[in-house]
Amino acid sequence: MTSKQRAYLKGLAMDMDPIMNIGKSSVTPELVTAVDEAINKRELIKISVLKNCIDDPRALANVIAERTHSEVVQVIGKKIVLYRKNKDKSKIELPK
């Protein structure tokens, strides 16, 4: 992913609300499945890491991205933004 594409996705994610929360149980198989389904539907999602989660948000983002075959767009504070292009019907057209 180029920096231009990343900047475009960051701009799209700025107006989004987090659709999932990561709590004290951290990354579970159920969470990974839910994130995978959400990315299939939306392509770009924002996840919030709650205060009771002791893990580092950047490390959590990398683990979730690896398990869902997505890319980490950004991690700011306790917010994670992930992207994966939908192969069937892409909603987001990335700049070249």
Protein backbone atom coordinates (compact mmCIF):
# COMPACT_ATOMS: atom_id res chain seq x y z
CA MET A 1 0.00 0.00 0.00
CA THR A 2 1.42 3.37 -0.98
CA SER A 3 1.48 6.40 1.30
CA LYS A 4 -1.05 8.12 -1.00
CA GLN A 5 -3.47 5.20 -0.62
CA ARG A 6 -2.91 5.10 3.13
CA ALA A 7 -3.61 8.85 3.40
CA TYR A 8 -6.83 8.41 1.37
CA LEU A 9 -8.01 5.60 3.68
CA LYS A 10 -7.13 7.64 6.78
CA GLY A 11 -9.32 10.43 5.45
CA LEU A 12 -12.23 8.03 4.93
CA ALA A 13 -11.77 6.53 8.40
CA MET A 14 -11.75 9.92 10.13
CA ASP A 15 -15.56 10.20 9.96
CA MET A 16 -16.19 6.58 10.95
CA ASP A 17 -17.25 5.38 14.37
CA PRO A 18 -15.64 2.24 15.83
CA ILE A 19 -17.79 -0.81 15.07
CA MET A 20 -16.05 -3.13 17.54
CA ASN A 21 -14.42 -2.97 20.95
CA ILE A 22 -11.52 -5.01 22.27
CA GLY A 23 -11.81 -5.56 26.02
CA LYS A 24 -9.93 -7.41 28.71
CA SER A 25 -10.16 -10.76 26.90
CA SER A 26 -8.01 -9.20 24.13
CA VAL A 27 -7.87 -11.08 20.80
CA THR A 28 -10.13 -14.14 20.80
CA PRO A 29 -11.06 -16.42 17.88
CA GLU A 30 -14.58 -14.95 18.02
CA LEU A 31 -13.22 -11.42 17.69
CA VAL A 32 -11.07 -12.39 14.71
CA THR A 33 -14.10 -14.00 13.03
CA ALA A 34 -16.23 -10.91 13.67
CA VAL A 35 -13.52 -8.59 12.32
CA ASP A 36 -13.10 -10.80 9.25
CA GLU A 37 -16.84 -10.67 8.52
CA ALA A 38 -16.96 -6.90 9.05
CA ILE A 39 -14.00 -6.31 6.73
CA ASN A 40 -15.66 -8.49 4.08
CA LYS A 41 -18.74 -6.31 4.22
CA ARG A 42 -17.20 -2.84 4.65
CA GLU A 43 -13.55 -3.12 3.50
CA LEU A 44 -12.51 -0.36 5.95
CA ILE A 45 -13.26 -0.68 9.67
CA LYS A 46 -12.34 1.08 12.88
CA ILE A 47 -11.85 -0.80 16.16
CA SER A 48 -11.61 0.69 19.62
CA VAL A 49 -9.38 -0.78 22.34
CA LEU A 50 -11.00 -0.33 25.74
CA LYS A 51 -9.12 0.88 28.82
CA ASN A 52 -9.40 -2.50 30.53
CA CYS A 53 -7.34 -4.15 27.77
CA ILE A 54 -3.70 -4.18 28.90
CA ASP A 55 -2.23 -5.11 25.49
CA ASP A 56 -0.57 -2.58 23.21
CA PRO A 57 -2.99 -1.38 20.48
CA ARG A 58 -0.24 -1.48 17.84
CA ALA A 59 0.56 -5.12 18.66
CA LEU A 60 -3.16 -5.99 18.65
CA ALA A 61 -3.56 -4.34 15.24
CA ASN A 62 -0.70 -6.39 13.80
CA VAL A 63 -2.09 -9.65 15.20
CA ILE A 64 -5.62 -9.00 13.93
CA ALA A 65 -4.34 -7.86 10.51
CA GLU A 66 -2.23 -10.99 10.18
CA ARG A 67 -5.10 -13.30 11.12
CA THR A 68 -7.65 -11.57 8.85
CA HIS A 69 -5.23 -11.01 5.94
CA SER A 70 -5.89 -7.26 6.08
CA GLU A 71 -3.65 -4.20 6.33
CA VAL A 72 -3.22 -1.81 9.24
CA VAL A 73 -4.01 1.67 7.95
CA GLN A 74 -3.29 3.45 11.21
CA VAL A 75 -3.24 3.14 14.98
CA ILE A 76 -3.90 6.36 16.88
CA GLY A 77 -4.15 6.08 20.63
CA LYS A 78 -6.58 3.25 21.23
CA LYS A 79 -8.19 3.28 17.77
CA ILE A 80 -7.22 0.80 15.04
CA VAL A 81 -8.15 1.16 11.36
CA LEU A 82 -7.94 -1.91 9.12
CA TYR A 83 -8.47 -2.33 5.36
CA ARG A 84 -8.86 -5.27 3.01
CA LYS A 85 -10.05 -5.03 -0.58
CA ASN A 86 -13.17 -7.06 -1.30
CA LYS A 87 -12.38 -9.24 -4.30
CA ASP A 88 -16.02 -9.67 -5.38
CA LYS A 89 -17.46 -6.15 -5.13
CA SER A 90 -15.05 -3.44 -4.13
CA LYS A 91 -16.65 -0.33 -2.59
CA ILE A 92 -13.52 1.76 -2.11
CA GLU A 93 -11.48 2.76 -5.14
CA LEU A 94 -7.90 3.47 -4.08
CA PRO A 95 -5.87 6.15 -5.89
CA LYS A 96 -2.97 4.87 -7.96
